[in-house]
Amino acid sequence: MAAMLPTAACAKTIIKPKAYLFGFIANFSDSVVYFTDIQTVDSVRFESKTKFLKGRDEYSNQLRNYFAQKLNMPHRTCIVSFGMTRKEAEKKYVKMKKLYTSKNAGKYDVRYINENEFKFETVVIEDEEQSKPVNKPKKDKKTKKDGKRPPRDGKMPPRNK
């Protein structure tokens, strides 16, 4: 039973041979927004239960660093969206693109960054199952020797002799 605790306490990781990512970049003080192409990234890790991309913040940081260093545009909000299949990623891409082109036509200057300009790199994540501490079971509330709990104020009633 004790041998099963470390694996049960941690979320399992699924490694997919590839996933599809695209980025969205905005600075909410101006009307220019950017979209990257949908890109294939190899050896991507997902959480087994939620199917959520691990290392999302690292992929966003890659995009943020590209804008800060190459384009001299710091302080951008970078969002990375993903799909396990190309069709799933395209559906999310079209939905987000429509939000800035069709529904708010003329409000935003939409620009595109192709794969030749920026390319997502695979994020290496160490195996969390070994590095994550095991959760200890919660202790029961304090009880007196007779099995009754003390009052909420913490003061013990006087003992009967």
N, C-alpha and C. Protein backbone atom coordinates (compact mmCIF):
# COMPACT_ATOMS: atom_id res chain seq x y z
N MET A 1 0.83 -1.19 0.00
CA MET A 1 0.00 0.00 0.00
C MET A 1 0.87 1.25 0.00
N ALA A 2 1.93 1.27 0.82
CA ALA A 2 2.80 2.44 0.90
C ALA A 2 3.58 2.65 -0.39
N ALA A 3 3.85 1.58 -1.11
CA ALA A 3 4.57 1.71 -2.38
C ALA A 3 3.73 2.38 -3.45
N MET A 4 2.40 2.35 -3.30
CA MET A 4 1.53 2.95 -4.30
C MET A 4 1.32 4.44 -4.06
N LEU A 5 1.60 4.94 -2.88
CA LEU A 5 1.35 6.34 -2.56
C LEU A 5 2.11 7.34 -3.43
N PRO A 6 3.40 7.18 -3.68
CA PRO A 6 4.09 8.18 -4.50
C PRO A 6 3.52 8.33 -5.90
N THR A 7 3.10 7.24 -6.53
CA THR A 7 2.56 7.36 -7.88
C THR A 7 1.14 7.88 -7.87
N ALA A 8 0.38 7.61 -6.83
CA ALA A 8 -1.00 8.08 -6.77
C ALA A 8 -1.07 9.57 -6.47
N ALA A 9 -0.06 10.11 -5.80
CA ALA A 9 -0.08 11.51 -5.42
C ALA A 9 0.26 12.44 -6.57
N CYS A 10 0.91 11.95 -7.60
CA CYS A 10 1.36 12.80 -8.71
C CYS A 10 0.49 12.57 -9.94
N ALA A 11 0.32 13.62 -10.72
CA ALA A 11 -0.40 13.50 -11.98
C ALA A 11 0.52 12.82 -12.99
N LYS A 12 -0.02 11.91 -13.75
CA LYS A 12 0.79 11.22 -14.74
C LYS A 12 0.95 12.08 -15.97
N THR A 13 2.04 11.86 -16.68
CA THR A 13 2.37 12.63 -17.86
C THR A 13 2.28 11.75 -19.09
N ILE A 14 1.66 12.29 -20.13
CA ILE A 14 1.59 11.62 -21.42
C ILE A 14 2.56 12.35 -22.35
N ILE A 15 3.39 11.62 -23.04
CA ILE A 15 4.29 12.23 -24.02
C ILE A 15 3.75 11.88 -25.41
N LYS A 16 3.36 12.92 -26.15
CA LYS A 16 2.86 12.74 -27.51
C LYS A 16 4.02 13.00 -28.48
N PRO A 17 4.07 12.26 -29.58
CA PRO A 17 5.16 12.49 -30.54
C PRO A 17 5.12 13.88 -31.15
N LYS A 18 3.91 14.46 -31.26
CA LYS A 18 3.82 15.83 -31.76
C LYS A 18 2.49 16.44 -31.34
N ALA A 19 2.50 17.77 -31.30
CA ALA A 19 1.29 18.55 -31.01
C ALA A 19 1.35 19.79 -31.88
N TYR A 20 0.27 20.52 -31.92
CA TYR A 20 0.17 21.69 -32.79
C TYR A 20 -0.09 22.91 -31.92
N LEU A 21 0.79 23.91 -32.05
CA LEU A 21 0.72 25.12 -31.23
C LEU A 21 0.65 26.35 -32.12
N PHE A 22 -0.01 27.39 -31.60
CA PHE A 22 0.07 28.71 -32.22
C PHE A 22 0.06 29.73 -31.11
N GLY A 23 0.58 30.90 -31.43
CA GLY A 23 0.67 31.96 -30.43
C GLY A 23 -0.17 33.16 -30.81
N PHE A 24 -0.61 33.86 -29.79
CA PHE A 24 -1.34 35.12 -29.94
C PHE A 24 -0.62 36.13 -29.07
N ILE A 25 -0.33 37.31 -29.63
CA ILE A 25 0.43 38.33 -28.93
C ILE A 25 -0.32 39.64 -29.00
N ALA A 26 -0.45 40.30 -27.86
CA ALA A 26 -1.14 41.59 -27.83
C ALA A 26 -0.52 42.47 -26.76
N ASN A 27 -0.68 43.75 -26.96
CA ASN A 27 -0.38 44.74 -25.94
C ASN A 27 -1.65 45.55 -25.85
N PHE A 28 -2.29 45.52 -24.72
CA PHE A 28 -3.62 46.09 -24.62
C PHE A 28 -3.64 47.62 -24.57
N SER A 29 -2.46 48.22 -24.74
CA SER A 29 -2.42 49.68 -24.84
C SER A 29 -2.39 50.14 -26.30
N ASP A 30 -2.30 49.19 -27.24
CA ASP A 30 -2.41 49.55 -28.66
C ASP A 30 -3.30 48.54 -29.36
N SER A 31 -3.57 48.77 -30.61
CA SER A 31 -4.55 47.94 -31.33
C SER A 31 -3.90 46.89 -32.23
N VAL A 32 -2.60 46.69 -32.13
CA VAL A 32 -1.92 45.72 -32.97
C VAL A 32 -1.87 44.37 -32.24
N VAL A 33 -2.34 43.33 -32.91
CA VAL A 33 -2.26 41.98 -32.38
C VAL A 33 -1.55 41.10 -33.40
N TYR A 34 -0.89 40.07 -32.92
CA TYR A 34 -0.12 39.17 -33.77
C TYR A 34 -0.58 37.73 -33.58
N PHE A 35 -0.54 36.97 -34.66
CA PHE A 35 -0.80 35.54 -34.63
C PHE A 35 0.40 34.85 -35.26
N THR A 36 0.84 33.75 -34.66
CA THR A 36 1.86 32.93 -35.31
C THR A 36 1.13 31.87 -36.14
N ASP A 37 1.87 31.23 -37.02
CA ASP A 37 1.32 30.10 -37.76
C ASP A 37 1.10 28.94 -36.80
N ILE A 38 0.25 28.02 -37.19
CA ILE A 38 0.12 26.77 -36.43
C ILE A 38 1.37 25.95 -36.73
N GLN A 39 2.07 25.57 -35.66
CA GLN A 39 3.35 24.89 -35.82
C GLN A 39 3.30 23.51 -35.17
N THR A 40 4.03 22.58 -35.76
CA THR A 40 4.17 21.24 -35.20
C THR A 40 5.36 21.24 -34.26
N VAL A 41 5.14 20.78 -33.02
CA VAL A 41 6.21 20.68 -32.03
C VAL A 41 6.32 19.21 -31.62
N ASP A 42 7.54 18.70 -31.61
CA ASP A 42 7.79 17.29 -31.30
C ASP A 42 7.93 17.06 -29.80
N SER A 43 7.63 15.84 -29.37
CA SER A 43 7.80 15.37 -27.98
C SER A 43 7.19 16.32 -26.96
N VAL A 44 5.90 16.46 -27.04
CA VAL A 44 5.17 17.37 -26.15
C VAL A 44 4.55 16.57 -25.02
N ARG A 45 4.57 17.14 -23.81
CA ARG A 45 4.02 16.46 -22.64
C ARG A 45 2.66 17.04 -22.27
N PHE A 46 1.74 16.14 -21.93
CA PHE A 46 0.40 16.51 -21.50
C PHE A 46 0.11 15.84 -20.16
N GLU A 47 -0.79 16.45 -19.38
CA GLU A 47 -1.27 15.80 -18.17
C GLU A 47 -2.29 14.75 -18.60
N SER A 48 -2.22 13.58 -17.99
CA SER A 48 -3.05 12.47 -18.44
C SER A 48 -4.54 12.71 -18.23
N LYS A 49 -4.93 13.26 -17.09
CA LYS A 49 -6.35 13.45 -16.82
C LYS A 49 -6.95 14.60 -17.61
N THR A 50 -6.31 15.76 -17.58
CA THR A 50 -6.89 16.96 -18.17
C THR A 50 -6.51 17.16 -19.62
N LYS A 51 -5.52 16.44 -20.12
CA LYS A 51 -5.00 16.60 -21.48
C LYS A 51 -4.53 18.04 -21.71
N PHE A 52 -3.95 18.64 -20.66
CA PHE A 52 -3.48 20.01 -20.73
C PHE A 52 -1.98 20.03 -20.97
N LEU A 53 -1.54 20.96 -21.77
CA LEU A 53 -0.14 21.07 -22.17
C LEU A 53 0.74 21.45 -20.97
N LYS A 54 1.78 20.67 -20.74
CA LYS A 54 2.73 21.00 -19.67
C LYS A 54 3.79 21.94 -20.25
N GLY A 55 4.23 22.89 -19.45
CA GLY A 55 5.24 23.84 -19.89
C GLY A 55 4.67 24.96 -20.73
N ARG A 56 3.37 25.24 -20.57
CA ARG A 56 2.73 26.32 -21.34
C ARG A 56 3.46 27.64 -21.13
N ASP A 57 3.85 27.89 -19.88
CA ASP A 57 4.53 29.15 -19.59
C ASP A 57 5.87 29.27 -20.31
N GLU A 58 6.55 28.14 -20.49
CA GLU A 58 7.82 28.17 -21.21
C GLU A 58 7.62 28.49 -22.70
N TYR A 59 6.57 27.95 -23.29
CA TYR A 59 6.27 28.27 -24.68
C TYR A 59 5.89 29.75 -24.82
N SER A 60 5.13 30.27 -23.87
CA SER A 60 4.78 31.69 -23.89
C SER A 60 6.02 32.56 -23.72
N ASN A 61 6.94 32.12 -22.85
CA ASN A 61 8.19 32.88 -22.65
C ASN A 61 9.04 32.90 -23.92
N GLN A 62 9.03 31.82 -24.69
CA GLN A 62 9.76 31.82 -25.96
C GLN A 62 9.24 32.93 -26.86
N LEU A 63 7.94 33.06 -26.91
CA LEU A 63 7.30 34.07 -27.75
C LEU A 63 7.57 35.48 -27.20
N ARG A 64 7.47 35.62 -25.91
CA ARG A 64 7.71 36.92 -25.26
C ARG A 64 9.16 37.37 -25.48
N ASN A 65 10.10 36.43 -25.35
CA ASN A 65 11.52 36.75 -25.57
C ASN A 65 11.79 37.14 -27.02
N TYR A 66 11.12 36.48 -27.95
CA TYR A 66 11.27 36.82 -29.37
C TYR A 66 10.85 38.28 -29.59
N PHE A 67 9.72 38.66 -29.03
CA PHE A 67 9.24 40.03 -29.21
C PHE A 67 10.13 41.04 -28.50
N ALA A 68 10.62 40.71 -27.34
CA ALA A 68 11.46 41.64 -26.58
C ALA A 68 12.83 41.81 -27.23
N GLN A 69 13.44 40.71 -27.66
CA GLN A 69 14.81 40.78 -28.17
C GLN A 69 14.89 41.09 -29.66
N LYS A 70 14.12 40.39 -30.47
CA LYS A 70 14.24 40.55 -31.92
C LYS A 70 13.47 41.76 -32.45
N LEU A 71 12.27 41.98 -31.91
CA LEU A 71 11.42 43.05 -32.44
C LEU A 71 11.40 44.29 -31.56
N ASN A 72 12.14 44.22 -30.44
CA ASN A 72 12.23 45.34 -29.50
C ASN A 72 10.84 45.80 -29.04
N MET A 73 9.99 44.84 -28.70
CA MET A 73 8.64 45.11 -28.21
C MET A 73 8.42 44.36 -26.89
N PRO A 74 8.95 44.89 -25.79
CA PRO A 74 8.76 44.19 -24.51
C PRO A 74 7.34 44.41 -23.98
N HIS A 75 7.04 43.74 -22.91
CA HIS A 75 5.77 43.89 -22.20
C HIS A 75 4.57 43.52 -23.06
N ARG A 76 4.66 42.43 -23.75
CA ARG A 76 3.55 41.92 -24.55
C ARG A 76 2.89 40.76 -23.81
N THR A 77 1.62 40.63 -24.00
CA THR A 77 0.89 39.49 -23.45
C THR A 77 0.91 38.39 -24.50
N CYS A 78 1.47 37.25 -24.14
CA CYS A 78 1.62 36.14 -25.08
C CYS A 78 0.81 34.94 -24.61
N ILE A 79 0.01 34.43 -25.50
CA ILE A 79 -0.83 33.27 -25.20
C ILE A 79 -0.49 32.18 -26.20
N VAL A 80 -0.33 30.97 -25.69
CA VAL A 80 -0.08 29.83 -26.55
C VAL A 80 -1.28 28.90 -26.46
N SER A 81 -1.83 28.58 -27.60
CA SER A 81 -2.95 27.64 -27.66
C SER A 81 -2.47 26.40 -28.39
N PHE A 82 -3.09 25.28 -28.12
CA PHE A 82 -2.59 24.02 -28.67
C PHE A 82 -3.72 23.08 -29.01
N GLY A 83 -3.39 22.09 -29.77
CA GLY A 83 -4.30 21.00 -30.09
C GLY A 83 -3.49 19.73 -30.27
N MET A 84 -4.09 18.61 -29.90
CA MET A 84 -3.39 17.34 -30.08
C MET A 84 -3.43 16.90 -31.54
N THR A 85 -4.41 17.43 -32.27
CA THR A 85 -4.49 17.17 -33.70
C THR A 85 -4.47 18.51 -34.43
N ARG A 86 -4.12 18.47 -35.69
CA ARG A 86 -4.07 19.70 -36.50
C ARG A 86 -5.48 20.31 -36.60
N LYS A 87 -6.47 19.47 -36.76
CA LYS A 87 -7.85 19.94 -36.90
C LYS A 87 -8.30 20.67 -35.63
N GLU A 88 -7.95 20.14 -34.47
CA GLU A 88 -8.31 20.76 -33.20
C GLU A 88 -7.63 22.13 -33.05
N ALA A 89 -6.37 22.22 -33.42
CA ALA A 89 -5.64 23.49 -33.35
C ALA A 89 -6.20 24.50 -34.34
N GLU A 90 -6.55 24.06 -35.53
CA GLU A 90 -7.12 24.96 -36.54
C GLU A 90 -8.46 25.53 -36.09
N LYS A 91 -9.26 24.70 -35.43
CA LYS A 91 -10.55 25.15 -34.92
C LYS A 91 -10.37 26.29 -33.90
N LYS A 92 -9.40 26.13 -33.00
CA LYS A 92 -9.12 27.18 -32.00
C LYS A 92 -8.55 28.42 -32.67
N TYR A 93 -7.71 28.22 -33.67
CA TYR A 93 -7.08 29.32 -34.39
C TYR A 93 -8.14 30.17 -35.11
N VAL A 94 -9.04 29.51 -35.81
CA VAL A 94 -10.10 30.21 -36.55
C VAL A 94 -11.01 30.98 -35.60
N LYS A 95 -11.34 30.37 -34.49
CA LYS A 95 -12.21 31.02 -33.50
C LYS A 95 -11.57 32.28 -32.94
N MET A 96 -10.29 32.21 -32.59
CA MET A 96 -9.60 33.38 -32.04
C MET A 96 -9.38 34.45 -33.11
N LYS A 97 -9.04 34.01 -34.30
CA LYS A 97 -8.81 34.94 -35.40
C LYS A 97 -10.10 35.69 -35.75
N LYS A 98 -11.21 34.99 -35.74
CA LYS A 98 -12.50 35.59 -36.04
C LYS A 98 -12.85 36.68 -35.02
N LEU A 99 -12.45 36.47 -33.78
CA LEU A 99 -12.71 37.44 -32.72
C LEU A 99 -12.06 38.79 -33.03
N TYR A 100 -10.89 38.76 -33.66
CA TYR A 100 -10.16 40.00 -33.93
C TYR A 100 -10.32 40.51 -35.36
N THR A 101 -10.83 39.70 -36.27
CA THR A 101 -10.99 40.17 -37.65
C THR A 101 -12.44 40.42 -38.02
N SER A 102 -13.33 39.48 -37.77
CA SER A 102 -14.73 39.63 -38.18
C SER A 102 -15.58 40.40 -37.20
N LYS A 103 -15.57 39.97 -35.95
CA LYS A 103 -16.45 40.58 -34.95
C LYS A 103 -16.04 42.01 -34.60
N ASN A 104 -14.76 42.28 -34.61
CA ASN A 104 -14.25 43.61 -34.28
C ASN A 104 -13.50 44.19 -35.48
N ALA A 105 -14.06 44.05 -36.65
CA ALA A 105 -13.41 44.50 -37.88
C ALA A 105 -13.09 45.99 -37.80
N GLY A 106 -11.86 46.32 -38.10
CA GLY A 106 -11.44 47.71 -38.11
C GLY A 106 -10.89 48.20 -36.78
N LYS A 107 -11.16 47.48 -35.69
CA LYS A 107 -10.66 47.91 -34.38
C LYS A 107 -9.21 47.49 -34.16
N TYR A 108 -8.83 46.37 -34.74
CA TYR A 108 -7.49 45.82 -34.52
C TYR A 108 -6.71 45.71 -35.82
N ASP A 109 -5.43 45.93 -35.70
CA ASP A 109 -4.50 45.72 -36.80
C ASP A 109 -3.91 44.33 -36.59
N VAL A 110 -4.39 43.35 -37.34
CA VAL A 110 -3.97 41.97 -37.17
C VAL A 110 -2.77 41.71 -38.08
N ARG A 111 -1.68 41.20 -37.46
CA ARG A 111 -0.46 40.88 -38.22
C ARG A 111 -0.10 39.43 -37.96
N TYR A 112 0.63 38.86 -38.90
CA TYR A 112 0.95 37.44 -38.83
C TYR A 112 2.45 37.23 -38.81
N ILE A 113 2.87 36.26 -38.03
CA ILE A 113 4.28 35.88 -37.94
C ILE A 113 4.38 34.46 -38.47
N ASN A 114 5.11 34.31 -39.57
CA ASN A 114 5.19 32.97 -40.15
C ASN A 114 6.28 32.14 -39.47
N GLU A 115 6.32 30.88 -39.81
CA GLU A 115 7.23 29.94 -39.17
C GLU A 115 8.70 30.24 -39.46
N ASN A 116 8.99 30.97 -40.56
CA ASN A 116 10.37 31.34 -40.86
C ASN A 116 10.88 32.40 -39.90
N GLU A 117 9.99 33.23 -39.36
CA GLU A 117 10.39 34.28 -38.43
C GLU A 117 10.51 33.78 -37.00
N PHE A 118 9.56 32.96 -36.57
CA PHE A 118 9.56 32.44 -35.20
C PHE A 118 9.15 30.99 -35.23
N LYS A 119 9.87 30.17 -34.46
CA LYS A 119 9.59 28.73 -34.37
C LYS A 119 9.63 28.32 -32.91
N PHE A 120 8.56 27.64 -32.45
CA PHE A 120 8.55 27.10 -31.09
C PHE A 120 9.56 25.97 -30.98
N GLU A 121 10.30 25.95 -29.87
CA GLU A 121 11.23 24.87 -29.58
C GLU A 121 10.61 23.95 -28.53
N THR A 122 10.91 22.67 -28.58
CA THR A 122 10.38 21.72 -27.61
C THR A 122 10.90 22.07 -26.22
N VAL A 123 9.99 22.08 -25.25
CA VAL A 123 10.35 22.38 -23.87
C VAL A 123 10.68 21.08 -23.16
N VAL A 124 11.85 21.04 -22.51
CA VAL A 124 12.26 19.87 -21.76
C VAL A 124 11.79 20.03 -20.33
N ILE A 125 10.98 19.08 -19.86
CA ILE A 125 10.45 19.11 -18.50
C ILE A 125 10.97 17.88 -17.79
N GLU A 126 11.57 18.10 -16.61
CA GLU A 126 12.06 16.94 -15.87
C GLU A 126 10.88 16.15 -15.35
N ASP A 127 11.09 14.87 -15.11
CA ASP A 127 10.02 13.99 -14.67
C ASP A 127 9.56 14.40 -13.28
N GLU A 128 8.33 14.87 -13.17
CA GLU A 128 7.81 15.38 -11.91
C GLU A 128 7.53 14.29 -10.90
N GLU A 129 7.35 13.07 -11.36
CA GLU A 129 7.04 11.99 -10.43
C GLU A 129 8.16 11.77 -9.43
N GLN A 130 9.40 12.03 -9.83
CA GLN A 130 10.52 11.85 -8.93
C GLN A 130 10.76 13.08 -8.08
N SER A 131 10.50 14.27 -8.61
CA SER A 131 10.83 15.49 -7.90
C SER A 131 9.71 16.03 -7.02
N LYS A 132 8.49 15.57 -7.23
CA LYS A 132 7.36 16.10 -6.49
C LYS A 132 7.24 15.42 -5.13
N PRO A 133 7.07 16.19 -4.04
CA PRO A 133 6.95 15.55 -2.73
C PRO A 133 5.62 14.82 -2.59
N VAL A 134 5.63 13.80 -1.79
CA VAL A 134 4.43 13.01 -1.56
C VAL A 134 3.57 13.75 -0.54
N ASN A 135 2.28 13.86 -0.82
CA ASN A 135 1.36 14.51 0.11
C ASN A 135 1.12 13.60 1.31
N LYS A 136 1.25 14.18 2.50
CA LYS A 136 1.01 13.42 3.72
C LYS A 136 -0.48 13.48 4.05
N PRO A 137 -1.01 12.42 4.66
CA PRO A 137 -2.42 12.47 5.04
C PRO A 137 -2.65 13.51 6.13
N LYS A 138 -3.84 14.11 6.10
CA LYS A 138 -4.17 15.14 7.08
C LYS A 138 -4.36 14.52 8.46
N LYS A 139 -3.91 15.24 9.49
CA LYS A 139 -4.08 14.78 10.86
C LYS A 139 -5.49 15.09 11.32
N ASP A 140 -6.00 14.23 12.18
CA ASP A 140 -7.31 14.48 12.76
C ASP A 140 -7.22 15.64 13.74
N LYS A 141 -8.36 16.26 13.98
CA LYS A 141 -8.39 17.36 14.94
C LYS A 141 -8.07 16.83 16.33
N LYS A 142 -7.56 17.72 17.16
CA LYS A 142 -7.18 17.33 18.51
C LYS A 142 -8.39 16.80 19.28
N THR A 143 -8.17 15.72 19.97
CA THR A 143 -9.23 15.17 20.81
C THR A 143 -8.68 14.94 22.21
N LYS A 144 -9.56 15.02 23.18
CA LYS A 144 -9.16 14.74 24.55
C LYS A 144 -9.07 13.23 24.72
N LYS A 145 -8.56 12.82 25.85
CA LYS A 145 -8.41 11.39 26.11
C LYS A 145 -9.75 10.67 26.13
N ASP A 146 -10.79 11.39 26.54
CA ASP A 146 -12.10 10.75 26.57
C ASP A 146 -12.77 10.71 25.19
N GLY A 147 -12.09 11.23 24.17
CA GLY A 147 -12.60 11.17 22.82
C GLY A 147 -13.37 12.40 22.39
N LYS A 148 -13.56 13.36 23.28
CA LYS A 148 -14.31 14.57 22.93
C LYS A 148 -13.34 15.66 22.50
N ARG A 149 -13.78 16.45 21.56
CA ARG A 149 -12.95 17.57 21.10
C ARG A 149 -13.08 18.74 22.06
N PRO A 150 -12.02 19.57 22.18
CA PRO A 150 -12.12 20.77 23.01
C PRO A 150 -12.99 21.80 22.31
N PRO A 151 -13.51 22.78 23.06
CA PRO A 151 -14.31 23.82 22.43
C PRO A 151 -13.49 24.63 21.44
N ARG A 152 -14.15 25.37 20.55
CA ARG A 152 -13.47 26.10 19.48
C ARG A 152 -12.53 27.18 19.99
N ASP A 153 -12.78 27.76 21.13
CA ASP A 153 -11.92 28.84 21.61
C ASP A 153 -10.59 28.32 22.11
N GLY A 154 -10.42 27.00 22.17
CA GLY A 154 -9.15 26.42 22.55
C GLY A 154 -8.99 26.21 24.04
N LYS A 155 -9.90 26.73 24.85
CA LYS A 155 -9.79 26.57 26.29
C LYS A 155 -10.40 25.23 26.68
N MET A 156 -9.69 24.54 27.53
CA MET A 156 -10.16 23.25 28.00
C MET A 156 -11.08 23.47 29.21
N PRO A 157 -12.18 22.77 29.27
CA PRO A 157 -13.04 22.89 30.46
C PRO A 157 -12.34 22.29 31.68
N PRO A 158 -12.69 22.76 32.86
CA PRO A 158 -12.03 22.21 34.06
C PRO A 158 -12.35 20.73 34.22
N ARG A 159 -11.40 20.00 34.80
CA ARG A 159 -11.58 18.56 35.00
C ARG A 159 -12.49 18.31 36.20
N ASN A 160 -13.31 17.32 36.09
CA ASN A 160 -14.14 16.90 37.22
C ASN A 160 -13.38 15.92 38.07
N LYS A 161 -13.33 16.20 39.38
CA LYS A 161 -12.59 15.29 40.28
C LYS A 161 -13.50 14.38 41.01
